[in-house]
Amino acid sequence: SHSSKSETLYTTGEAAEILGVTRRQVLRLCKEGRIRSFQGDPTNSKSPWLIPQSSIDEIMRLREAQAIANLEHTTAAVTVFLIFSAAVVDRF
């Protein structure tokens, strides 16, 4: 990782390791503009991509929010199922 004046910058390999995905996936996110990143030398297409720490933090936060949303969704579905099951059992 490289430290700029304000924040740490990571290579695609380092970012992939932190996020638990492949380097290729990180590279695709960079190229598609789905992760805030930049090329060390914008004039050279082969120049490595660099990802700021804040970008990685953002992804972690979104992931956490998604996991919580999924969990709440699952819990709500289970609750509805249990209420429905109880109502059906009461009829017999």
Protein backbone atom coordinates (compact mmCIF):
# COMPACT_ATOMS: atom_id res chain seq x y z
CA SER A 1 0.00 0.00 0.00
CA HIS A 2 1.14 3.53 -0.72
CA SER A 3 0.50 6.49 1.53
CA SER A 4 -0.49 9.77 -0.06
CA LYS A 5 -0.57 12.96 2.03
CA SER A 6 -4.17 12.37 3.04
CA GLU A 7 -4.94 8.66 2.83
CA THR A 8 -3.57 5.21 2.11
CA LEU A 9 -3.85 3.95 -1.46
CA TYR A 10 -4.07 0.24 -2.26
CA THR A 11 -3.23 -1.74 -5.37
CA THR A 12 -5.97 -3.94 -6.86
CA GLY A 13 -4.26 -6.98 -5.30
CA GLU A 14 -4.23 -5.45 -1.83
CA ALA A 15 -7.84 -4.24 -2.15
CA ALA A 16 -8.90 -7.72 -3.30
CA GLU A 17 -7.28 -9.28 -0.23
CA ILE A 18 -8.97 -6.83 2.15
CA LEU A 19 -12.39 -7.30 0.49
CA GLY A 20 -12.04 -11.05 0.12
CA VAL A 21 -12.59 -11.05 -3.65
CA THR A 22 -10.33 -11.69 -6.63
CA ARG A 23 -7.98 -9.11 -8.10
CA ARG A 24 -9.84 -9.48 -11.40
CA GLN A 25 -13.16 -8.52 -9.72
CA VAL A 26 -11.56 -5.40 -8.22
CA LEU A 27 -10.04 -4.52 -11.60
CA ARG A 28 -13.46 -4.83 -13.25
CA LEU A 29 -15.04 -2.54 -10.61
CA CYS A 30 -12.30 0.03 -11.24
CA LYS A 31 -12.70 -0.08 -15.03
CA GLU A 32 -16.50 0.14 -14.78
CA GLY A 33 -16.23 3.08 -12.38
CA ARG A 34 -18.15 1.20 -9.68
CA ILE A 35 -15.39 1.77 -7.14
CA ARG A 36 -13.70 5.14 -6.61
CA SER A 37 -10.20 4.60 -7.95
CA PHE A 38 -7.69 6.06 -10.37
CA GLN A 39 -4.74 5.00 -12.47
CA GLY A 40 -1.30 6.03 -11.28
CA ASP A 41 -0.59 7.36 -14.78
CA PRO A 42 -3.86 8.20 -16.59
CA THR A 43 -2.02 8.57 -19.92
CA ASN A 44 -0.92 4.93 -19.80
CA SER A 45 -3.73 2.34 -20.01
CA LYS A 46 -1.40 -0.29 -18.52
CA SER A 47 -0.76 1.85 -15.44
CA PRO A 48 -1.89 0.15 -12.21
CA TRP A 49 -5.14 1.21 -10.56
CA LEU A 50 -4.99 2.64 -7.06
CA ILE A 51 -7.88 2.47 -4.60
CA PRO A 52 -8.10 4.92 -1.68
CA GLN A 53 -8.80 3.63 1.83
CA SER A 54 -12.10 5.60 1.94
CA SER A 55 -13.30 3.67 -1.12
CA ILE A 56 -12.65 0.34 0.61
CA ASP A 57 -14.36 1.61 3.79
CA GLU A 58 -17.38 2.61 1.68
CA ILE A 59 -17.67 -0.89 0.19
CA MET A 60 -17.38 -2.46 3.66
CA ARG A 61 -20.17 -0.18 4.96
CA LEU A 62 -22.44 -0.95 1.99
CA ARG A 63 -21.75 -4.66 2.47
CA GLU A 64 -22.60 -4.43 6.16
CA ALA A 65 -25.83 -2.53 5.41
CA GLN A 66 -26.74 -5.14 2.78
CA ALA A 67 -26.08 -7.98 5.24
CA ILE A 68 -28.25 -6.29 7.89
CA ALA A 69 -31.02 -5.68 5.32
CA ASN A 70 -30.86 -9.33 4.23
CA LEU A 71 -30.98 -10.46 7.84
CA GLU A 72 -33.99 -8.24 8.62
CA HIS A 73 -35.72 -9.46 5.47
CA THR A 74 -35.15 -13.09 6.47
CA THR A 75 -36.35 -12.47 10.02
CA ALA A 76 -39.52 -10.77 8.73
CA ALA A 77 -40.20 -13.68 6.36
CA VAL A 78 -39.75 -16.23 9.17
CA THR A 79 -42.05 -14.22 11.47
CA VAL A 80 -44.78 -14.07 8.80
CA PHE A 81 -44.39 -17.80 8.19
CA LEU A 82 -44.69 -18.61 11.90
CA ILE A 83 -47.81 -16.44 12.33
CA PHE A 84 -49.35 -18.03 9.24
CA SER A 85 -48.48 -21.56 10.48
CA ALA A 86 -50.02 -20.84 13.89
CA ALA A 87 -53.21 -19.53 12.22
CA VAL A 88 -53.48 -22.66 10.06
CA VAL A 89 -52.91 -24.99 13.03
CA ASP A 90 -55.60 -23.17 15.06
CA ARG A 91 -58.21 -24.05 12.44
CA PHE A 92 -57.87 -27.80 12.95
